[in-house]
Amino acid sequence: MNQEILKKVELWKAHVKEEELKQIEQMDEKELEDAFGLDIAFGTAGLRGIVGMGTNRMNEYIVRKTTVGFMNFMVKEYDNAKEKGCVIAYDCRRGSVEFSKAAAQVLATNGMKVYLFTALRPTPELSFAVRHLKCAGGIMITASHNPPQYNGYKVYDDEGCQLIPHLADSVTNEVNNVTDMFNIEVRPYDELVKEGKILEINELVDVPYLEAVKTIPVNKVKKDNIKIVYTPLHGTGCAFMVELLEEQGYTVIPVKEQMVPDGEFSTLKSPNPEESSAFEYSLKLGREVGADILIATDPDADRMGIAALNDEGEYVLLTGNQTGAILLNYLALNVPHDKNACVYNTIVTSNIAKDICDKHNLTLVQTLTGFKFIGEQAKLIENTEKSFFFGYEESYGSVIKPFVRDKDSFQATLLLAEVASYYKELGKTLVNVLDEIYKEYGYYLEGVQNISLTGLEGQAKIKKIMSYFQNATIASMGGKPIVTVEDYDKSISVTNGVETPITLPKSLVLKYIYEDGGWFALRPSGTEPKLKIYIAIKDKDKASAEAFIENLKAEVMEIINKID
C-alpha cells in the first residue's frame, strides 16, 4: 500500500469516532486501498458509493464536506440563497436519516434555512418541493436502485432539476476547496430545530404535490374494471402510492411484504424494476388475485416498471422503451396539441418515439443520457411558444407534466393505470396495444448489456474499453454495415468519412448507427461501476430482432474480453 493511502488512513483514524475506528481497523489491505485509494467523485448524479469509512465511501464526513461545497455553490449562484433555503429528503437506505440530518446541520449552522422531510419521501416530491418552496436548491439522500450497501447524495438546482454538467463542475470545485472535513462546525440538531433554523416538514409539501399529480388524468375511464398489484420494493413509494390510486378509484392490491421500508431489501435480489427478479413477489400475488397489471417503483420512486397480462394469461415484463411508447402513443392520440408540443427523450432511447411524433405532429427533441437534460429543456421552453408534452428515457423514467423536473413514478403510474383501464374497456391488454404499435410502426426491440467493473481495476478497464472503441475503425457489427459513428466525447459525428459537429454537451458516449436507423452505443454508467451497452434495432419480427441483438452482444463482448 502506497504512502499517500497510509497517510489518509492514519488521518481518519485520528479523527473518527470509536466505533468508526473499529471499522477501519477491521479492513484488510485491499479494502483499505479501495476505501482510501480514491476520493468519491461528485458527478452529474452527485455522490453514490458504498456506505462505510474512507474517502471513497459514503459517510457523515463526506456528506458534511459535500454539503459545505454545495452551500457555497448555491450562495454564489443564486441571490439570497441562504434566505431561500434548501430542502432535504431521504429514502430507506443505510445511513439515510443520519446523512440527511448531517446535511441539515451543516446548512443551518451556517445560516441557511433548511426544510427537512422527517419521513421517507420520493425523489419527485423533493424536486417538486424545491420549486414549491422557492428554495435555492435541494438534496436527496438516495442511491436509487443500487444494491443495499450503497447510498448517495443527489443535488438539485433552484428549478428542482439535477445539476447539468457545468453546474456540477462548479459544485465539484467548491467541494474540493473544503480541505478539512473533520472540523466542519455543526450545532446540535435539536437546538437548530427548536430555533426554527431547521423546519421539519411533510404535509406542507405532500398535499400540493399530490394535488398536482391528480391533474395527470386525460380521460374519464371506468377504473374499477382493472386490478393493479403494486410494490414499492421496500422504498419511498410506500408513502402514498396505494392511497393515491385508491382515492382515484382504482383497485390496488399491495405486496405487503415489500410495503415495509427496508434498506437491506430483504425480499429482493435487486431493488431495480428493470430486473425481472424485482417482480418475483408481484407475479405470485398477481396470479393469486387475477391482476391486469403489476407495477413496481424503485426505492426513491422516480422510476416505474410494469408487467402486463397477455391473452394467454401470462405476465409480460415491459421495458422502459415499451412503456414509454405506450404512454406517448396514448397521449398523442388523446391530448390536443400542435407542432409546438415537444416530446423529450435521450440519445439511447428507442427510435420508435420519432415515428410516433412524426405521425402525430409532435416535435421530438433528444438530449444526452440523464433526466437532468430533460428537466433543463422544461426550463428552456418556459415563456416560449413551445410546450412540454412528455419526457421519458429507456431506463424506466418519465414525466408527463413538468411541475416535477425529474422522473416521476407517481405521474407515470397514474397515467398507466388510466391507459390500462381505457384499453381494457375496448377489450385490449397493454400487450395487445404494444403489438398494435409495432404493427403500425415496425418491430422495435432494445437490449442493454451491463458489464460490472468494480474498484480501481474496474475503472481502469472501462477507460481502456472506451479508448479502444474511440480509436478503432469499426465498419460493421452483427453482420450489418455501420454508416455513422457519433462520438459525444469528441463532439463529432462521422458518416462515410465526412465529419459534422455534435452540438450537445460533451459526454463519454459512442453510438454506432446502421443504415436502417438501428444502433448500438457504449457508455460508462454515471451512477454505478458499470459499462453499459445499449442496443436498439428495427426488424420485420420479434425472432429476427432478438437474434440480431444476441449476435451483436456476442460480437461486442468478444472485442471487450480481449482488451487488457
Protein backbone atom coordinates (compact mmCIF):
# COMPACT_ATOMS: atom_id res chain seq x y z
CA MET A 1 0.00 0.00 0.00
CA ASN A 2 1.45 3.38 -1.00
CA GLN A 3 2.30 6.17 1.42
CA GLU A 4 -0.50 8.50 0.30
CA ILE A 5 -3.12 5.93 1.20
CA LEU A 6 -1.42 5.22 4.53
CA LYS A 7 -1.44 8.94 5.36
CA LYS A 8 -5.17 9.13 4.64
CA VAL A 9 -5.86 6.08 6.80
CA GLU A 10 -3.90 7.50 9.74
CA LEU A 11 -5.63 10.88 9.41
CA TRP A 12 -9.04 9.22 9.57
CA LYS A 13 -8.03 7.05 12.50
CA ALA A 14 -7.06 10.19 14.41
CA HIS A 15 -10.43 11.90 13.91
CA VAL A 16 -13.25 9.35 13.69
CA LYS A 17 -15.43 8.02 16.50
CA GLU A 18 -14.52 4.86 18.36
CA GLU A 19 -16.96 2.57 16.54
CA GLU A 20 -15.82 4.03 13.20
CA LEU A 21 -12.18 3.43 14.14
CA LYS A 22 -13.02 -0.24 14.66
CA GLN A 23 -14.44 -0.40 11.12
CA ILE A 24 -11.16 0.90 9.69
CA GLU A 25 -9.04 -1.42 11.79
CA GLN A 26 -11.03 -4.42 10.56
CA MET A 27 -10.24 -3.67 6.89
CA ASP A 28 -7.60 -5.73 5.10
CA GLU A 29 -5.09 -4.13 2.72
CA LYS A 30 -7.27 -4.49 -0.38
CA GLU A 31 -10.28 -3.00 1.41
CA LEU A 32 -8.18 -0.06 2.64
CA GLU A 33 -6.91 0.59 -0.89
CA ASP A 34 -10.45 0.62 -2.26
CA ALA A 35 -11.82 2.76 0.60
CA PHE A 36 -8.97 5.30 0.67
CA GLY A 37 -7.27 4.97 -2.73
CA LEU A 38 -9.66 7.42 -4.37
CA ASP A 39 -11.86 10.31 -3.32
CA ILE A 40 -15.52 9.59 -4.01
CA ALA A 41 -16.31 11.59 -7.11
CA PHE A 42 -19.02 14.24 -7.23
CA GLY A 43 -20.50 13.75 -10.68
CA THR A 44 -23.57 14.86 -12.59
CA ALA A 45 -25.63 12.48 -10.40
CA GLY A 46 -24.00 13.79 -7.21
CA LEU A 47 -22.36 11.21 -4.97
CA ARG A 48 -23.00 7.49 -4.98
CA GLY A 49 -20.94 4.87 -3.22
CA ILE A 50 -20.68 2.09 -0.64
CA VAL A 51 -21.54 3.14 2.91
CA GLY A 52 -18.51 2.97 5.20
CA MET A 53 -15.34 4.68 6.34
CA GLY A 54 -12.96 6.20 3.83
CA THR A 55 -12.61 8.91 1.21
CA ASN A 56 -14.17 6.62 -1.41
CA ARG A 57 -17.18 5.80 0.75
CA MET A 58 -20.47 7.38 1.81
CA ASN A 59 -20.28 8.58 5.42
CA GLU A 60 -21.16 11.63 7.52
CA TYR A 61 -17.74 13.24 6.98
CA ILE A 62 -18.10 13.10 3.20
CA VAL A 63 -21.70 14.30 3.47
CA ARG A 64 -20.69 17.31 5.60
CA LYS A 65 -17.84 18.21 3.26
CA THR A 66 -20.06 17.93 0.20
CA THR A 67 -22.79 19.98 1.87
CA VAL A 68 -20.36 22.82 2.58
CA GLY A 69 -19.37 22.79 -1.07
CA PHE A 70 -22.97 22.70 -2.28
CA MET A 71 -23.94 25.51 0.08
CA ASN A 72 -21.07 27.69 -1.19
CA PHE A 73 -22.18 26.93 -4.75
CA MET A 74 -25.78 27.98 -4.00
CA VAL A 75 -24.63 31.21 -2.33
CA LYS A 76 -22.57 32.15 -5.39
CA GLU A 77 -25.10 31.01 -7.98
CA TYR A 78 -28.39 32.34 -6.56
CA ASP A 79 -29.35 35.64 -4.96
CA ASN A 80 -30.39 35.42 -1.30
CA ALA A 81 -29.66 31.70 -1.29
CA LYS A 82 -29.47 31.41 2.49
CA GLU A 83 -32.82 33.12 2.95
CA LYS A 84 -34.44 31.00 0.22
CA GLY A 85 -33.05 27.87 1.82
CA CYS A 86 -32.58 24.26 0.82
CA VAL A 87 -34.95 21.30 1.08
CA ILE A 88 -33.72 17.81 2.04
CA ALA A 89 -35.37 14.39 1.69
CA TYR A 90 -34.19 10.82 2.09
CA ASP A 91 -35.05 7.23 1.21
CA CYS A 92 -34.90 3.91 3.08
CA ARG A 93 -31.19 3.16 2.78
CA ARG A 94 -28.41 2.60 5.30
CA GLY A 95 -27.48 5.91 6.90
CA SER A 96 -30.12 7.94 5.05
CA VAL A 97 -31.64 9.53 8.18
CA GLU A 98 -28.22 10.33 9.62
CA PHE A 99 -26.93 11.75 6.34
CA SER A 100 -29.99 13.96 5.89
CA LYS A 101 -29.61 15.35 9.41
CA ALA A 102 -25.87 15.88 8.92
CA ALA A 103 -26.54 17.91 5.77
CA ALA A 104 -29.27 19.89 7.54
CA GLN A 105 -26.95 20.68 10.47
CA VAL A 106 -24.21 21.99 8.19
CA LEU A 107 -26.57 24.29 6.30
CA ALA A 108 -28.46 25.56 9.34
CA THR A 109 -25.28 26.13 11.37
CA ASN A 110 -24.06 28.33 8.53
CA GLY A 111 -27.24 30.40 8.43
CA MET A 112 -29.13 28.74 5.58
CA LYS A 113 -32.81 27.96 6.07
CA VAL A 114 -33.46 24.23 5.90
CA TYR A 115 -36.68 22.38 5.08
CA LEU A 116 -36.27 18.75 6.11
CA PHE A 117 -38.68 15.89 5.46
CA THR A 118 -38.83 13.75 8.59
CA ALA A 119 -40.06 10.56 6.93
CA LEU A 120 -39.33 8.75 3.69
CA ARG A 121 -40.26 10.83 0.68
CA PRO A 122 -39.78 10.12 -3.05
CA THR A 123 -37.31 11.92 -5.27
CA PRO A 124 -40.01 13.52 -7.47
CA GLU A 125 -41.56 15.14 -4.39
CA LEU A 126 -38.15 16.57 -3.47
CA SER A 127 -37.87 18.04 -6.98
CA PHE A 128 -41.39 19.49 -6.64
CA ALA A 129 -40.61 20.86 -3.16
CA VAL A 130 -37.67 22.96 -4.37
CA ARG A 131 -39.92 24.94 -6.71
CA HIS A 132 -42.95 24.92 -4.43
CA LEU A 133 -40.96 26.36 -1.50
CA LYS A 134 -38.92 28.63 -3.83
CA CYS A 135 -35.65 27.26 -2.47
CA ALA A 136 -32.16 27.76 -3.82
CA GLY A 137 -31.63 24.02 -4.09
CA GLY A 138 -32.39 20.54 -2.86
CA ILE A 139 -30.62 17.45 -1.54
CA MET A 140 -31.92 13.90 -1.91
CA ILE A 141 -30.22 11.15 0.07
CA THR A 142 -30.63 8.06 -2.10
CA ALA A 143 -28.78 5.52 -4.21
CA SER A 144 -31.88 4.78 -6.28
CA HIS A 145 -31.78 1.13 -7.42
CA ASN A 146 -28.21 0.29 -6.36
CA PRO A 147 -27.51 -2.73 -4.10
CA PRO A 148 -28.09 -2.38 -0.32
CA GLN A 149 -24.51 -1.46 0.55
CA TYR A 150 -24.80 1.80 -1.43
CA ASN A 151 -26.14 5.22 -0.61
CA GLY A 152 -25.91 8.54 -2.40
CA TYR A 153 -26.40 12.28 -2.35
CA LYS A 154 -28.21 13.92 -5.28
CA VAL A 155 -28.38 17.70 -5.57
CA TYR A 156 -30.90 19.91 -7.31
CA ASP A 157 -30.81 23.46 -8.61
CA ASP A 158 -33.35 26.17 -7.86
CA GLU A 159 -35.66 24.68 -10.54
CA GLY A 160 -35.76 21.26 -8.90
CA CYS A 161 -33.57 19.84 -11.66
CA GLN A 162 -30.46 17.73 -11.13
CA LEU A 163 -27.36 19.71 -11.97
CA ILE A 164 -26.28 19.84 -15.60
CA PRO A 165 -22.53 19.31 -16.15
CA HIS A 166 -21.17 22.85 -15.85
CA LEU A 167 -23.10 23.41 -12.60
CA ALA A 168 -21.97 20.03 -11.27
CA ASP A 169 -18.40 21.05 -12.10
CA SER A 170 -18.86 24.23 -10.07
CA VAL A 171 -20.04 22.19 -7.09
CA THR A 172 -17.09 19.84 -7.50
CA ASN A 173 -14.70 22.81 -7.34
CA GLU A 174 -16.40 24.10 -4.19
CA VAL A 175 -16.29 20.66 -2.56
CA ASN A 176 -12.60 20.30 -3.43
CA ASN A 177 -11.93 23.65 -1.74
CA VAL A 178 -13.06 22.16 1.58
CA THR A 179 -9.74 20.85 2.85
CA ASP A 180 -10.63 19.79 6.42
CA MET A 181 -13.74 17.63 6.62
CA PHE A 182 -13.12 16.75 10.27
CA ASN A 183 -13.51 20.27 11.64
CA ILE A 184 -16.72 21.45 9.98
CA GLU A 185 -18.78 23.23 12.61
CA VAL A 186 -22.22 21.76 13.28
CA ARG A 187 -24.57 22.72 16.08
CA PRO A 188 -26.80 20.12 17.77
CA TYR A 189 -29.75 19.11 15.59
CA ASP A 190 -32.40 19.58 18.29
CA GLU A 191 -31.22 23.12 19.02
CA LEU A 192 -31.45 24.08 15.34
CA VAL A 193 -34.98 22.68 15.12
CA LYS A 194 -36.03 24.46 18.32
CA GLU A 195 -34.71 27.77 16.98
CA GLY A 196 -36.59 27.30 13.70
CA LYS A 197 -33.42 27.09 11.62
CA ILE A 198 -34.41 23.57 10.53
CA LEU A 199 -38.10 23.33 9.62
CA GLU A 200 -39.36 19.76 9.78
CA ILE A 201 -41.89 19.25 7.01
CA ASN A 202 -44.07 16.58 5.46
CA GLU A 203 -47.68 17.61 4.82
CA LEU A 204 -46.54 21.11 3.86
CA VAL A 205 -45.43 19.63 0.53
CA ASP A 206 -47.30 16.30 0.44
CA VAL A 207 -50.67 17.93 -0.15
CA PRO A 208 -49.74 20.29 -3.02
CA TYR A 209 -47.56 17.65 -4.67
CA LEU A 210 -50.33 15.07 -4.69
CA GLU A 211 -52.85 17.65 -5.88
CA ALA A 212 -50.55 18.38 -8.82
CA VAL A 213 -50.21 14.64 -9.58
CA LYS A 214 -54.01 14.34 -9.63
CA THR A 215 -54.09 16.68 -12.67
CA ILE A 216 -52.41 13.97 -14.80
CA PRO A 217 -55.52 12.01 -15.93
CA VAL A 218 -56.56 12.63 -19.53
CA ASN A 219 -59.83 10.73 -19.99
CA LYS A 220 -62.59 9.60 -17.68
CA VAL A 221 -62.24 5.82 -17.54
CA LYS A 222 -64.09 3.02 -15.77
CA LYS A 223 -61.23 2.40 -13.25
CA ASP A 224 -62.93 -0.47 -11.39
CA ASN A 225 -62.50 -2.73 -14.44
CA ILE A 226 -58.84 -3.47 -13.65
CA LYS A 227 -56.84 -4.83 -10.72
CA ILE A 228 -53.39 -3.44 -10.01
CA VAL A 229 -50.71 -5.17 -7.92
CA TYR A 230 -48.25 -2.61 -6.59
CA THR A 231 -44.88 -2.85 -4.84
CA PRO A 232 -42.57 -0.01 -3.75
CA LEU A 233 -39.72 -2.55 -3.42
CA HIS A 234 -39.35 -1.51 0.25
CA GLY A 235 -38.81 2.12 -0.81
CA THR A 236 -40.43 5.53 -0.70
CA GLY A 237 -43.38 4.60 -2.89
CA CYS A 238 -44.91 3.19 0.30
CA ALA A 239 -45.52 6.79 1.42
CA PHE A 240 -48.69 7.31 -0.60
CA MET A 241 -48.86 5.44 -3.92
CA VAL A 242 -51.55 2.98 -2.81
CA GLU A 243 -53.66 5.73 -1.27
CA LEU A 244 -53.31 7.87 -4.41
CA LEU A 245 -54.54 5.10 -6.70
CA GLU A 246 -57.36 4.06 -4.38
CA GLU A 247 -58.53 7.65 -3.97
CA GLN A 248 -58.69 7.91 -7.76
CA GLY A 249 -60.96 4.85 -7.84
CA TYR A 250 -58.56 2.04 -8.80
CA THR A 251 -58.45 -1.38 -7.17
CA VAL A 252 -54.94 -1.82 -5.77
CA ILE A 253 -53.52 -4.90 -4.09
CA PRO A 254 -50.17 -4.04 -2.44
CA VAL A 255 -47.36 -6.55 -1.98
CA LYS A 256 -47.50 -6.36 1.81
CA GLU A 257 -44.05 -7.88 2.41
CA GLN A 258 -42.48 -5.09 0.32
CA MET A 259 -44.58 -2.19 1.65
CA VAL A 260 -42.24 -2.09 4.65
CA PRO A 261 -39.27 0.31 4.34
CA ASP A 262 -36.14 -1.82 4.39
CA GLY A 263 -32.70 -0.62 3.34
CA GLU A 264 -31.48 -4.22 3.19
CA PHE A 265 -34.16 -5.07 0.59
CA SER A 266 -34.51 -8.41 2.32
CA THR A 267 -37.12 -9.88 -0.06
CA LEU A 268 -35.26 -8.87 -3.22
CA LYS A 269 -32.28 -9.96 -5.28
CA SER A 270 -32.17 -6.43 -6.72
CA PRO A 271 -34.32 -3.37 -5.88
CA ASN A 272 -34.42 -2.44 -9.57
CA PRO A 273 -37.67 -2.60 -11.58
CA GLU A 274 -35.56 -3.16 -14.70
CA GLU A 275 -34.70 -6.62 -13.33
CA SER A 276 -37.26 -9.41 -13.67
CA SER A 277 -36.35 -10.68 -10.19
CA ALA A 278 -37.85 -7.50 -8.69
CA PHE A 279 -41.28 -8.81 -9.74
CA GLU A 280 -41.00 -12.21 -8.04
CA TYR A 281 -43.46 -11.38 -5.23
CA SER A 282 -45.68 -9.30 -7.53
CA LEU A 283 -46.01 -12.13 -10.04
CA LYS A 284 -47.08 -14.58 -7.33
CA LEU A 285 -49.65 -12.14 -5.93
CA GLY A 286 -50.82 -11.11 -9.38
CA ARG A 287 -51.65 -14.69 -10.29
CA GLU A 288 -53.49 -15.19 -7.00
CA VAL A 289 -55.75 -12.14 -7.39
CA GLY A 290 -56.02 -12.04 -11.19
CA ALA A 291 -54.32 -8.66 -11.61
CA ASP A 292 -54.27 -6.95 -15.00
CA ILE A 293 -51.00 -5.10 -14.39
CA LEU A 294 -48.15 -5.29 -11.91
CA ILE A 295 -46.36 -2.06 -11.03
CA ALA A 296 -43.03 -1.70 -9.22
CA THR A 297 -41.31 1.55 -8.33
CA ASP A 298 -37.65 1.76 -7.37
CA PRO A 299 -36.53 2.73 -3.83
CA ASP A 300 -36.65 6.51 -4.39
CA ALA A 301 -39.83 6.15 -6.50
CA ASP A 302 -38.70 8.13 -9.51
CA ARG A 303 -38.85 5.14 -11.89
CA MET A 304 -41.64 2.69 -12.66
CA GLY A 305 -41.55 -0.80 -14.14
CA ILE A 306 -44.57 -2.84 -15.20
CA ALA A 307 -45.71 -6.31 -16.17
CA ALA A 308 -48.94 -6.70 -18.14
CA LEU A 309 -51.22 -9.68 -18.61
CA ASN A 310 -51.36 -11.07 -22.16
CA ASP A 311 -54.10 -13.02 -23.93
CA GLU A 312 -52.64 -16.31 -22.73
CA GLY A 313 -52.93 -15.23 -19.08
CA GLU A 314 -49.17 -14.75 -18.62
CA TYR A 315 -47.44 -11.62 -17.39
CA VAL A 316 -45.07 -9.89 -19.80
CA LEU A 317 -42.42 -7.58 -18.36
CA LEU A 318 -42.27 -4.43 -20.46
CA THR A 319 -39.08 -2.44 -20.97
CA GLY A 320 -38.77 1.27 -20.33
CA ASN A 321 -38.84 1.86 -24.08
CA GLN A 322 -42.03 -0.17 -24.47
CA THR A 323 -43.82 1.51 -21.56
CA GLY A 324 -42.70 4.90 -22.84
CA ALA A 325 -44.02 4.13 -26.32
CA ILE A 326 -47.42 3.07 -24.94
CA LEU A 327 -47.73 6.24 -22.83
CA LEU A 328 -46.52 8.50 -25.66
CA ASN A 329 -48.90 6.92 -28.17
CA TYR A 330 -51.85 7.31 -25.77
CA LEU A 331 -51.06 10.96 -25.07
CA ALA A 332 -50.55 11.67 -28.77
CA LEU A 333 -53.98 10.21 -29.55
CA ASN A 334 -55.86 11.82 -26.65
CA VAL A 335 -54.29 15.17 -25.72
CA PRO A 336 -54.91 18.14 -28.09
CA HIS A 337 -51.63 19.63 -29.34
CA ASP A 338 -49.83 21.26 -32.24
CA LYS A 339 -46.30 21.08 -33.65
CA ASN A 340 -45.05 23.29 -30.80
CA ALA A 341 -45.73 20.46 -28.36
CA CYS A 342 -42.37 18.86 -27.56
CA VAL A 343 -41.51 15.30 -26.60
CA TYR A 344 -38.13 14.74 -24.98
CA ASN A 345 -36.06 11.59 -24.78
CA THR A 346 -32.37 10.68 -24.82
CA ILE A 347 -29.83 9.51 -27.38
CA VAL A 348 -30.08 5.94 -26.04
CA THR A 349 -33.89 5.76 -26.19
CA SER A 350 -35.70 3.77 -28.90
CA ASN A 351 -36.29 5.37 -32.30
CA ILE A 352 -39.98 4.45 -32.16
CA ALA A 353 -40.62 7.80 -30.48
CA LYS A 354 -39.66 9.61 -33.69
CA ASP A 355 -42.15 7.59 -35.74
CA ILE A 356 -44.96 8.30 -33.26
CA CYS A 357 -44.07 12.01 -33.08
CA ASP A 358 -43.86 12.36 -36.87
CA LYS A 359 -47.30 10.81 -37.35
CA HIS A 360 -48.97 12.91 -34.65
CA ASN A 361 -47.38 16.27 -35.45
CA LEU A 362 -45.22 16.39 -32.34
CA THR A 363 -41.66 17.73 -32.13
CA LEU A 364 -39.10 15.24 -30.79
CA VAL A 365 -36.01 16.60 -29.04
CA GLN A 366 -33.21 14.26 -27.98
CA THR A 367 -30.85 15.00 -25.11
CA LEU A 368 -27.82 13.35 -23.57
CA THR A 369 -28.46 10.46 -21.19
CA GLY A 370 -29.73 11.62 -17.81
CA PHE A 371 -33.08 13.11 -16.88
CA LYS A 372 -31.43 16.36 -15.81
CA PHE A 373 -31.15 17.24 -19.50
CA ILE A 374 -34.88 16.71 -19.96
CA GLY A 375 -35.53 18.84 -16.86
CA GLU A 376 -33.27 21.51 -18.34
CA GLN A 377 -35.35 21.56 -21.53
CA ALA A 378 -38.54 22.12 -19.50
CA LYS A 379 -36.95 25.27 -18.13
CA LEU A 380 -35.67 26.46 -21.51
CA ILE A 381 -39.09 26.39 -23.19
CA GLU A 382 -40.89 28.29 -20.41
CA ASN A 383 -42.47 31.51 -21.71
CA THR A 384 -41.97 30.46 -25.35
CA GLU A 385 -44.39 29.22 -27.99
CA LYS A 386 -43.26 25.65 -27.23
CA SER A 387 -44.93 23.41 -24.67
CA PHE A 388 -43.79 20.35 -22.72
CA PHE A 389 -45.78 17.31 -23.87
CA PHE A 390 -43.94 14.27 -22.47
CA GLY A 391 -40.45 13.24 -21.43
CA TYR A 392 -39.04 9.74 -20.99
CA GLU A 393 -35.92 7.63 -21.19
CA GLU A 394 -35.19 3.96 -21.72
CA SER A 395 -34.26 3.37 -18.08
CA TYR A 396 -37.89 3.36 -16.87
CA GLY A 397 -38.22 7.07 -16.09
CA SER A 398 -40.82 9.51 -17.39
CA VAL A 399 -42.60 12.77 -16.59
CA ILE A 400 -45.89 13.97 -18.04
CA LYS A 401 -46.16 17.47 -16.58
CA PRO A 402 -43.04 19.45 -15.68
CA PHE A 403 -44.16 20.60 -12.22
CA VAL A 404 -41.52 17.98 -11.39
CA ARG A 405 -38.18 18.44 -13.16
CA ASP A 406 -37.11 14.83 -12.71
CA LYS A 407 -38.53 11.38 -13.34
CA ASP A 408 -41.84 10.87 -11.52
CA SER A 409 -43.26 7.41 -10.94
CA PHE A 410 -46.42 8.86 -9.38
CA GLN A 411 -47.34 10.71 -12.55
CA ALA A 412 -46.37 7.70 -14.67
CA THR A 413 -48.29 5.20 -12.53
CA LEU A 414 -51.47 7.26 -12.52
CA LEU A 415 -51.36 7.65 -16.30
CA LEU A 416 -50.53 3.98 -16.86
CA ALA A 417 -53.49 2.90 -14.73
CA GLU A 418 -55.74 5.08 -16.89
CA VAL A 419 -54.28 3.64 -20.10
CA ALA A 420 -54.80 0.06 -18.86
CA SER A 421 -58.42 0.79 -17.88
CA TYR A 422 -59.11 2.65 -21.14
CA TYR A 423 -57.92 -0.20 -23.33
CA LYS A 424 -59.50 -2.95 -21.22
CA GLU A 425 -62.85 -1.31 -21.90
CA LEU A 426 -62.00 -1.84 -25.58
CA GLY A 427 -61.13 -5.48 -24.93
CA LYS A 428 -57.37 -4.98 -25.14
CA THR A 429 -54.45 -5.65 -22.83
CA LEU A 430 -51.37 -3.42 -22.77
CA VAL A 431 -49.56 -6.22 -24.60
CA ASN A 432 -52.19 -6.00 -27.36
CA VAL A 433 -51.67 -2.24 -27.51
CA LEU A 434 -47.90 -2.67 -27.83
CA ASP A 435 -48.37 -5.20 -30.63
CA GLU A 436 -50.62 -2.74 -32.47
CA ILE A 437 -47.95 -0.06 -32.16
CA TYR A 438 -45.37 -2.45 -33.61
CA LYS A 439 -47.69 -3.38 -36.48
CA GLU A 440 -48.11 0.28 -37.30
CA TYR A 441 -44.50 1.44 -36.95
CA GLY A 442 -42.37 -1.68 -37.31
CA TYR A 443 -40.93 -4.11 -34.78
CA TYR A 444 -38.57 -2.24 -32.49
CA LEU A 445 -36.53 -4.13 -29.95
CA GLU A 446 -33.95 -2.90 -27.48
CA GLY A 447 -31.41 -4.52 -25.23
CA VAL A 448 -28.96 -3.40 -22.56
CA GLN A 449 -25.82 -5.30 -21.60
CA ASN A 450 -24.43 -4.24 -18.22
CA ILE A 451 -20.78 -5.07 -17.59
CA SER A 452 -19.96 -4.73 -13.89
CA LEU A 453 -16.40 -3.47 -13.34
CA THR A 454 -15.81 -2.51 -9.71
CA GLY A 455 -12.94 -0.88 -7.84
CA LEU A 456 -9.82 0.80 -9.19
CA GLU A 457 -9.19 -2.04 -11.63
CA GLY A 458 -12.72 -1.75 -12.96
CA GLN A 459 -12.41 1.98 -13.56
CA ALA A 460 -9.17 1.45 -15.43
CA LYS A 461 -10.74 -1.30 -17.57
CA ILE A 462 -13.69 0.93 -18.51
CA LYS A 463 -11.27 3.65 -19.64
CA LYS A 464 -9.34 1.14 -21.77
CA ILE A 465 -12.51 -0.20 -23.39
CA MET A 466 -13.82 3.26 -24.26
CA SER A 467 -10.41 4.34 -25.56
CA TYR A 468 -10.20 1.23 -27.76
CA PHE A 469 -13.57 1.85 -29.38
CA GLN A 470 -12.87 5.57 -29.81
CA ASN A 471 -9.70 4.82 -31.75
CA ALA A 472 -10.79 1.71 -33.65
CA THR A 473 -12.28 1.78 -37.15
CA ILE A 474 -15.42 -0.36 -36.97
CA ALA A 475 -17.10 -0.77 -40.36
CA SER A 476 -19.68 -3.40 -39.41
CA MET A 477 -21.05 -5.23 -36.38
CA GLY A 478 -23.55 -8.07 -36.16
CA GLY A 479 -23.24 -8.66 -39.88
CA LYS A 480 -24.52 -5.21 -40.92
CA PRO A 481 -22.50 -2.20 -42.11
CA ILE A 482 -22.26 0.85 -39.85
CA VAL A 483 -22.88 4.12 -41.67
CA THR A 484 -22.42 6.67 -38.87
CA VAL A 485 -20.31 6.86 -35.72
CA GLU A 486 -21.19 9.51 -33.13
CA ASP A 487 -18.51 10.34 -30.56
CA TYR A 488 -20.12 12.59 -27.95
CA ASP A 489 -16.83 12.93 -26.10
CA LYS A 490 -15.14 14.44 -29.16
CA SER A 491 -18.40 16.12 -30.30
CA ILE A 492 -18.04 14.59 -33.78
CA SER A 493 -20.37 12.57 -36.00
CA VAL A 494 -18.73 10.74 -38.91
CA THR A 495 -20.78 9.47 -41.88
CA ASN A 496 -18.90 7.93 -44.81
CA GLY A 497 -15.77 9.76 -43.74
CA VAL A 498 -17.50 13.15 -43.51
CA GLU A 499 -17.34 14.82 -40.10
CA THR A 500 -20.10 17.03 -38.70
CA PRO A 501 -20.15 18.61 -35.23
CA ILE A 502 -22.41 17.37 -32.44
CA THR A 503 -23.91 20.35 -30.63
CA LEU A 504 -24.90 18.56 -27.40
CA PRO A 505 -22.58 18.92 -24.38
CA LYS A 506 -19.63 16.54 -24.24
CA SER A 507 -20.26 13.12 -22.74
CA LEU A 508 -18.35 9.84 -22.88
CA VAL A 509 -20.77 8.05 -25.22
CA LEU A 510 -20.10 6.27 -28.50
CA LYS A 511 -23.01 5.47 -30.80
CA TYR A 512 -22.83 3.31 -33.94
CA ILE A 513 -25.74 3.72 -36.37
CA TYR A 514 -26.89 1.35 -39.12
CA GLU A 515 -28.44 2.40 -42.42
CA ASP A 516 -31.95 1.42 -41.27
CA GLY A 517 -31.64 3.66 -38.20
CA GLY A 518 -30.85 0.88 -35.74
CA TRP A 519 -27.88 1.44 -33.46
CA PHE A 520 -25.81 0.38 -30.50
CA ALA A 521 -23.98 2.58 -28.01
CA LEU A 522 -21.35 2.28 -25.28
CA ARG A 523 -21.49 4.44 -22.17
CA PRO A 524 -19.98 4.17 -18.68
CA SER A 525 -22.74 4.44 -16.07
CA GLY A 526 -22.78 7.69 -14.13
CA THR A 527 -24.22 6.04 -11.04
CA GLU A 528 -22.80 2.51 -10.87
CA PRO A 529 -19.45 0.79 -11.55
CA LYS A 530 -20.67 -0.48 -14.90
CA LEU A 531 -20.11 -0.15 -18.62
CA LYS A 532 -23.45 -0.14 -20.41
CA ILE A 533 -24.03 -1.34 -23.97
CA TYR A 534 -27.34 -0.14 -25.40
CA ILE A 535 -28.86 -1.74 -28.50
CA ALA A 536 -31.92 -0.53 -30.41
CA ILE A 537 -32.92 -2.06 -33.71
CA LYS A 538 -35.94 -2.36 -36.01
CA ASP A 539 -36.70 -5.62 -37.78
CA LYS A 540 -39.50 -7.49 -39.53
CA ASP A 541 -40.44 -9.59 -36.50
CA LYS A 542 -39.51 -10.38 -32.91
CA ALA A 543 -37.47 -13.51 -33.66
CA SER A 544 -35.26 -11.72 -36.19
CA ALA A 545 -34.79 -8.76 -33.84
CA GLU A 546 -33.86 -10.97 -30.89
CA ALA A 547 -31.40 -13.00 -32.98
CA PHE A 548 -29.66 -9.87 -34.24
CA ILE A 549 -29.35 -8.41 -30.74
CA GLU A 550 -27.84 -11.60 -29.34
CA ASN A 551 -25.32 -11.82 -32.20
CA LEU A 552 -24.38 -8.17 -31.75
CA LYS A 553 -23.94 -8.55 -27.99
CA ALA A 554 -21.70 -11.57 -28.52
CA GLU A 555 -19.53 -9.74 -31.07
CA VAL A 556 -19.12 -6.66 -28.88
CA MET A 557 -18.30 -8.81 -25.82
CA GLU A 558 -15.72 -10.76 -27.82
CA ILE A 559 -13.89 -7.48 -28.52
CA ILE A 560 -14.21 -6.28 -24.91
CA ASN A 561 -12.92 -9.55 -23.44
CA LYS A 562 -9.72 -9.22 -25.50
CA ILE A 563 -8.93 -5.74 -24.12
CA ASP A 564 -6.37 -5.98 -21.30
